[in-house]
Structures are given as C-alpha cells and as structure tokens.
N, C-alpha and C. Protein backbone atom coordinates (compact mmCIF):
# COMPACT_ATOMS: atom_id res chain seq x y z
N MET A 1 1.10 -1.73 -0.56
CA MET A 1 -0.34 -0.07 -0.63
C MET A 1 0.94 1.71 -0.04
N ILE A 2 0.42 1.93 -0.86
CA ILE A 2 1.59 3.32 -1.30
C ILE A 2 0.89 4.63 0.39
N THR A 3 1.77 4.58 0.82
CA THR A 3 1.34 5.50 2.57
C THR A 3 2.44 7.26 1.99
N ARG A 4 1.86 8.48 2.63
CA ARG A 4 2.07 9.24 2.80
C ARG A 4 3.76 9.92 3.44
N GLN A 5 4.56 10.19 2.80
CA GLN A 5 5.92 10.18 4.13
C GLN A 5 5.52 11.03 5.28
N LYS A 6 6.39 9.80 6.41
CA LYS A 6 5.60 10.82 7.60
C LYS A 6 4.07 10.67 8.19
N THR A 7 3.19 9.88 7.46
CA THR A 7 2.12 9.91 7.95
C THR A 7 1.73 8.36 7.95
N ASN A 8 0.79 7.57 8.65
CA ASN A 8 0.22 6.36 7.49
C ASN A 8 -1.57 6.21 6.54
N ILE A 9 -1.23 7.60 6.50
CA ILE A 9 -2.02 7.90 5.29
C ILE A 9 -2.19 6.75 4.05
N PRO A 10 -2.87 5.70 3.52
CA PRO A 10 -2.85 6.01 2.16
C PRO A 10 -2.57 7.38 0.80
N GLN A 11 -2.60 7.27 0.18
CA GLN A 11 -2.03 8.13 -1.43
C GLN A 11 -3.82 8.54 -1.36
N TRP A 12 -4.18 6.80 -1.82
CA TRP A 12 -6.08 6.95 -2.41
C TRP A 12 -6.73 7.85 -1.33
N LEU A 13 -6.58 7.34 -0.14
CA LEU A 13 -7.67 8.64 0.75
C LEU A 13 -7.57 9.99 0.42
N ILE A 14 -5.98 10.92 0.13
CA ILE A 14 -5.37 11.76 0.17
C ILE A 14 -5.80 12.47 -0.66
N SER A 15 -6.01 11.51 -2.11
CA SER A 15 -6.64 12.15 -3.39
C SER A 15 -7.87 11.64 -3.67
N LEU A 16 -8.44 11.06 -3.27
CA LEU A 16 -10.10 10.98 -3.15
C LEU A 16 -10.85 12.28 -2.95
N PRO A 17 -10.82 12.78 -2.17
CA PRO A 17 -11.55 14.33 -2.05
C PRO A 17 -11.29 14.93 -4.15
N VAL A 18 -10.47 15.41 -4.41
CA VAL A 18 -9.67 16.33 -5.21
C VAL A 18 -10.67 15.31 -6.96
N VAL A 19 -10.64 13.89 -6.76
CA VAL A 19 -10.94 13.42 -7.53
C VAL A 19 -12.45 13.39 -7.46
N VAL A 20 -13.26 13.16 -6.64
CA VAL A 20 -14.34 13.28 -6.83
C VAL A 20 -15.47 15.17 -6.58
N TRP A 21 -14.54 15.54 -7.25
CA TRP A 21 -14.30 17.62 -6.47
C TRP A 21 -14.27 17.53 -8.81
N THR A 22 -13.50 16.65 -8.82
CA THR A 22 -12.94 17.18 -10.57
C THR A 22 -14.73 16.20 -10.84
N ALA A 23 -14.94 15.14 -10.62
CA ALA A 23 -16.16 14.07 -10.96
C ALA A 23 -17.17 14.62 -11.07
N THR A 24 -17.29 15.68 -10.62
CA THR A 24 -18.72 16.08 -9.55
C THR A 24 -18.96 17.70 -10.70
N LEU A 25 -18.26 18.31 -10.99
CA LEU A 25 -17.50 19.19 -11.40
C LEU A 25 -18.42 18.79 -13.12
N LEU A 26 -18.04 17.66 -14.08
CA LEU A 26 -17.68 17.07 -15.44
C LEU A 26 -19.39 16.93 -15.04
N PHE A 27 -19.24 15.76 -14.30
CA PHE A 27 -20.47 15.29 -14.39
C PHE A 27 -21.16 16.32 -14.87
N GLY A 28 -21.97 17.16 -13.28
CA GLY A 28 -22.66 17.75 -13.50
C GLY A 28 -22.71 19.10 -15.03
N THR A 29 -21.78 19.12 -15.17
CA THR A 29 -21.63 20.55 -16.40
C THR A 29 -22.12 19.65 -17.96
N THR A 30 -21.02 17.46 -17.76
CA THR A 30 -21.97 16.93 -19.09
C THR A 30 -23.64 16.94 -18.68
N LEU A 31 -24.32 16.35 -17.97
CA LEU A 31 -25.61 16.59 -18.18
C LEU A 31 -26.21 18.03 -18.29
N LEU A 32 -26.16 19.01 -17.92
CA LEU A 32 -26.16 19.99 -18.34
C LEU A 32 -26.18 20.22 -19.69
N LEU A 33 -25.46 19.97 -20.61
CA LEU A 33 -25.24 20.60 -21.72
C LEU A 33 -26.06 19.53 -22.41
N ILE A 34 -25.92 17.95 -22.27
CA ILE A 34 -26.91 16.81 -22.24
C ILE A 34 -28.71 17.53 -22.59
N LEU A 35 -29.01 18.18 -20.84
CA LEU A 35 -30.38 18.68 -20.96
C LEU A 35 -30.42 19.69 -22.28
N LEU A 36 -29.68 20.44 -22.04
CA LEU A 36 -30.07 21.71 -22.84
C LEU A 36 -30.01 21.09 -24.76
N ASN A 37 -29.21 20.10 -25.18
CA ASN A 37 -29.28 19.85 -26.13
C ASN A 37 -31.01 18.41 -25.98
N THR A 38 -31.85 18.35 -24.98
CA THR A 38 -32.31 16.94 -25.88
C THR A 38 -33.28 17.74 -25.79
N ASP A 39 -34.80 17.49 -26.81
CA ASP A 39 -35.68 17.63 -27.42
C ASP A 39 -37.28 18.04 -26.29
N LYS A 40 -38.45 18.43 -26.65
CA LYS A 40 -38.66 18.36 -25.28
C LYS A 40 -39.66 16.92 -24.58
N GLY A 41 -40.01 17.08 -24.06
CA GLY A 41 -40.58 16.11 -23.43
C GLY A 41 -40.15 14.71 -23.34
N SER A 42 -38.55 13.96 -23.33
CA SER A 42 -37.66 13.02 -23.51
C SER A 42 -37.85 12.82 -21.83
N LEU A 43 -37.25 11.57 -22.16
CA LEU A 43 -37.17 10.79 -20.69
C LEU A 43 -36.25 11.44 -19.78
N PHE A 44 -34.79 11.98 -20.63
CA PHE A 44 -33.89 12.46 -19.51
C PHE A 44 -34.56 13.85 -19.36
N ALA A 45 -35.20 14.89 -20.26
CA ALA A 45 -35.35 15.99 -19.29
C ALA A 45 -36.57 15.33 -17.97
N VAL A 46 -37.04 14.45 -18.51
CA VAL A 46 -37.73 14.30 -17.86
C VAL A 46 -37.33 13.16 -15.91
N GLN A 47 -36.02 12.01 -16.63
CA GLN A 47 -36.17 11.97 -14.95
C GLN A 47 -34.31 12.64 -14.99
N PHE A 48 -34.28 13.94 -14.87
CA PHE A 48 -32.80 14.03 -14.30
C PHE A 48 -32.50 14.44 -13.58
N HIS A 49 -33.84 14.44 -12.86
CA HIS A 49 -33.03 14.69 -10.79
C HIS A 49 -32.25 13.06 -10.20
N ILE A 50 -32.94 12.13 -10.64
CA ILE A 50 -32.17 10.82 -10.31
C ILE A 50 -30.76 10.76 -10.16
N TYR A 51 -29.91 11.44 -11.68
CA TYR A 51 -28.70 11.59 -11.38
C TYR A 51 -28.58 12.53 -11.28
N VAL A 52 -28.63 13.24 -10.73
CA VAL A 52 -28.18 14.78 -10.11
C VAL A 52 -28.23 13.74 -8.47
N ALA A 53 -29.52 13.40 -8.24
CA ALA A 53 -30.16 12.78 -6.33
C ALA A 53 -28.75 11.89 -6.47
N VAL A 54 -28.28 10.53 -7.04
CA VAL A 54 -27.52 10.39 -6.68
C VAL A 54 -25.74 10.82 -6.70
N ALA A 55 -25.36 11.91 -7.83
CA ALA A 55 -24.54 12.43 -7.22
C ALA A 55 -24.61 13.17 -6.12
N VAL A 56 -25.82 13.89 -5.42
CA VAL A 56 -25.82 13.89 -4.13
C VAL A 56 -25.53 13.37 -3.34
N VAL A 57 -26.45 11.85 -3.11
CA VAL A 57 -25.59 10.90 -2.15
C VAL A 57 -24.52 10.66 -2.02
N PHE A 58 -24.15 10.63 -3.38
CA PHE A 58 -22.29 9.30 -3.51
C PHE A 58 -21.71 10.91 -2.59
N ASN A 59 -21.64 12.41 -3.13
CA ASN A 59 -20.81 13.53 -2.21
C ASN A 59 -21.04 13.59 -1.28
N VAL A 60 -22.35 12.87 -0.48
CA VAL A 60 -22.00 13.04 0.77
C VAL A 60 -21.78 11.52 1.61
N ALA A 61 -21.86 10.38 1.17
CA ALA A 61 -21.46 10.12 1.74
C ALA A 61 -19.50 10.23 1.08
N VAL A 62 -18.92 10.28 0.92
CA VAL A 62 -17.23 10.25 0.47
C VAL A 62 -17.18 11.39 1.44
N LEU A 63 -18.16 12.05 2.11
CA LEU A 63 -17.05 13.26 2.80
C LEU A 63 -17.83 12.31 4.60
N LEU A 64 -18.52 11.86 4.20
CA LEU A 64 -18.43 11.35 5.85
C LEU A 64 -17.71 9.83 5.86
N PHE A 65 -17.56 9.62 4.98
CA PHE A 65 -16.07 8.57 5.22
C PHE A 65 -14.29 9.78 5.20
N MET A 66 -15.03 10.56 4.22
CA MET A 66 -13.41 11.10 5.64
C MET A 66 -13.43 11.70 6.34
N LEU A 67 -14.58 11.67 6.97
CA LEU A 67 -15.19 12.56 8.72
C LEU A 67 -14.54 10.94 9.17
N ALA A 68 -14.90 10.75 8.86
CA ALA A 68 -14.51 8.82 9.64
C ALA A 68 -13.49 8.19 9.58
N ALA A 69 -12.41 8.69 8.04
CA ALA A 69 -10.61 8.24 7.86
C ALA A 69 -9.77 9.80 9.27
N ALA A 70 -10.60 10.50 9.34
CA ALA A 70 -10.05 11.99 10.16
C ALA A 70 -10.16 11.93 11.35
N LEU A 71 -11.15 11.08 11.70
CA LEU A 71 -11.37 10.27 13.36
C LEU A 71 -10.06 8.84 13.41
N HIS A 72 -9.85 8.44 12.72
CA HIS A 72 -9.59 7.13 12.70
C HIS A 72 -7.44 7.44 13.25
N HIS A 73 -7.64 8.47 11.96
CA HIS A 73 -5.90 8.84 12.47
C HIS A 73 -6.14 10.45 12.51
N SER A 74 -6.37 10.49 14.46
CA SER A 74 -6.19 11.49 14.45
C SER A 74 -4.67 12.28 14.85
N GLN A 75 -4.05 11.43 14.77
CA GLN A 75 -2.85 11.98 15.43
C GLN A 75 -1.82 13.05 13.79
N ASN A 76 -2.57 12.44 13.01
CA ASN A 76 -1.96 12.75 11.62
C ASN A 76 -2.95 13.06 10.40
N ASN A 77 -3.74 14.03 10.85
CA ASN A 77 -4.83 14.69 10.37
C ASN A 77 -4.66 15.68 8.91
N ARG A 78 -4.07 16.52 9.25
CA ARG A 78 -4.05 18.14 8.33
C ARG A 78 -4.56 17.57 7.78
N VAL A 79 -4.25 17.08 7.06
CA VAL A 79 -3.87 16.46 5.03
C VAL A 79 -5.59 15.77 4.62
N LEU A 80 -6.82 15.39 6.13
CA LEU A 80 -7.72 14.77 5.90
C LEU A 80 -8.22 15.87 6.37
N VAL A 81 -8.28 16.55 6.97
CA VAL A 81 -9.03 17.56 7.10
C VAL A 81 -8.70 18.57 5.64
N SER A 82 -8.17 19.18 5.22
CA SER A 82 -8.08 19.51 4.10
C SER A 82 -8.82 19.35 2.54
N GLY A 83 -8.70 17.71 2.74
CA GLY A 83 -9.90 16.99 1.89
C GLY A 83 -10.86 17.24 2.27
N ILE A 84 -11.46 17.35 2.98
CA ILE A 84 -13.04 17.32 3.89
C ILE A 84 -13.65 19.37 4.09
N VAL A 85 -12.41 20.15 3.58
CA VAL A 85 -13.10 21.76 3.34
C VAL A 85 -13.34 21.81 1.99
N LEU A 86 -12.77 20.34 0.84
CA LEU A 86 -12.78 20.08 0.21
C LEU A 86 -14.27 19.70 -0.22
N MET A 87 -14.51 18.28 0.43
CA MET A 87 -15.34 18.31 -0.05
C MET A 87 -16.71 18.44 0.58
N LEU A 88 -16.77 19.83 1.56
CA LEU A 88 -17.53 20.60 1.90
C LEU A 88 -18.05 22.10 0.94
N THR A 89 -16.93 22.45 0.21
CA THR A 89 -17.95 23.53 -0.54
C THR A 89 -18.31 22.58 -1.85
N ASN A 90 -17.64 20.86 -2.10
CA ASN A 90 -18.24 20.31 -3.64
C ASN A 90 -19.54 19.83 -3.17
N VAL A 91 -20.46 20.05 -2.01
CA VAL A 91 -21.58 19.71 -1.91
C VAL A 91 -22.68 20.65 -1.94
N PRO A 92 -22.35 21.71 -1.84
CA PRO A 92 -23.06 22.78 -2.65
C PRO A 92 -23.05 23.65 -4.37
N ILE A 93 -22.13 23.10 -4.40
CA ILE A 93 -21.60 22.35 -6.26
C ILE A 93 -22.80 21.91 -6.80
N ALA A 94 -22.56 20.59 -6.96
CA ALA A 94 -23.18 18.96 -6.91
C ALA A 94 -25.29 20.13 -6.20
N PHE A 95 -25.34 20.55 -5.43
CA PHE A 95 -26.99 20.75 -5.29
C PHE A 95 -26.91 22.41 -6.30
N PHE A 96 -26.01 23.05 -6.63
CA PHE A 96 -26.19 24.33 -7.53
C PHE A 96 -26.70 23.51 -8.26
N TYR A 97 -25.96 22.34 -9.41
CA TYR A 97 -26.33 21.65 -10.12
C TYR A 97 -27.25 21.12 -10.32
N LEU A 98 -27.91 20.50 -9.38
CA LEU A 98 -29.55 19.72 -9.35
C LEU A 98 -29.65 21.38 -9.45
N PHE A 99 -30.65 22.32 -8.71
CA PHE A 99 -30.76 23.71 -9.12
C PHE A 99 -30.92 24.06 -10.62
N LEU A 100 -29.80 23.75 -11.24
CA LEU A 100 -30.06 24.82 -12.67
C LEU A 100 -30.34 24.16 -13.52
N LEU A 101 -30.29 22.57 -12.68
CA LEU A 101 -30.86 21.31 -13.94
C LEU A 101 -32.62 21.79 -14.09
N MET A 102 -32.59 21.75 -12.36
CA MET A 102 -33.97 21.53 -12.87
C MET A 102 -34.73 23.35 -13.44
N HIS A 103 -34.14 23.77 -13.48
CA HIS A 103 -34.33 25.63 -13.80
C HIS A 103 -34.95 25.19 -15.22
N PHE A 104 -33.89 24.45 -15.53
CA PHE A 104 -33.44 24.29 -17.00
C PHE A 104 -34.73 22.65 -17.92
N ALA A 105 -35.02 22.19 -16.45
CA ALA A 105 -35.68 21.22 -17.15
C ALA A 105 -37.47 21.94 -16.67
N ARG A 106 -37.63 22.54 -16.33
CA ARG A 106 -38.90 23.47 -16.78
C ARG A 106 -39.29 23.20 -17.64
N PHE A 107 -38.41 24.11 -18.61
CA PHE A 107 -38.96 24.46 -20.37
C PHE A 107 -38.95 23.75 -21.13
N LEU A 108 -38.24 22.56 -20.41
CA LEU A 108 -38.29 20.71 -21.41
C LEU A 108 -39.30 20.62 -20.94
N ASN A 109 -40.85 20.05 -20.50
CA ASN A 109 -41.31 19.90 -19.99
C ASN A 109 -42.46 20.03 -20.43
C-alpha cells in the first residue's frame, strides 16, 4: 500500500476528495449540456433529477467517509481535514447543479 511520507494515511485517501470534486464538476456540466440539447418531453428531461440525486448522495457519502478517516487517523489528520474542507465546498456545487438543471428542465417538460 502506498502511503504518504511521515503519515500512515494511504495516498488514495488523500487523493479521493480531489477526484470526487473533479468528477462532480464534469458530471454536472455534462448533464447540463445534455439537458440543453434534448428535445421537449424526452426521458432524460423528465428523469434528470435521479442522476443528480445520485451525485449528491455520493458526495455526502464521501464526506462522511473522510470524516471517519480523520477520526481514525487522529494524530496526523491535517491532510484529511483539507480534503474534508474540499468536500464541504463540493456538496453545495452539486446542489447548485441540481437547481440549475431543475430550472432548465422546467422549460422542456
């Protein structure tokens, strides 16, 4: 297992918030572009909220996982706390995409 120097925190755990943050931005932007290019009354325009709800739940699950990891590695959790702060900024971004998609989907139904 690859670990960070001077800590026993696995590298994948340190990289997880950055990967999830990037994936949320790409996923939300892709959904928005698909929604703007769909026809009126299409299945995606009706059920888009399921995709965004999954993204919001996944972000909250990763945030809770990071909190549990910070409690487990309580001696050297400075790196994990920065990941938690990054995840705390990501959850409102996911909700922003949800409301943005809801706004544009209203015109397609």
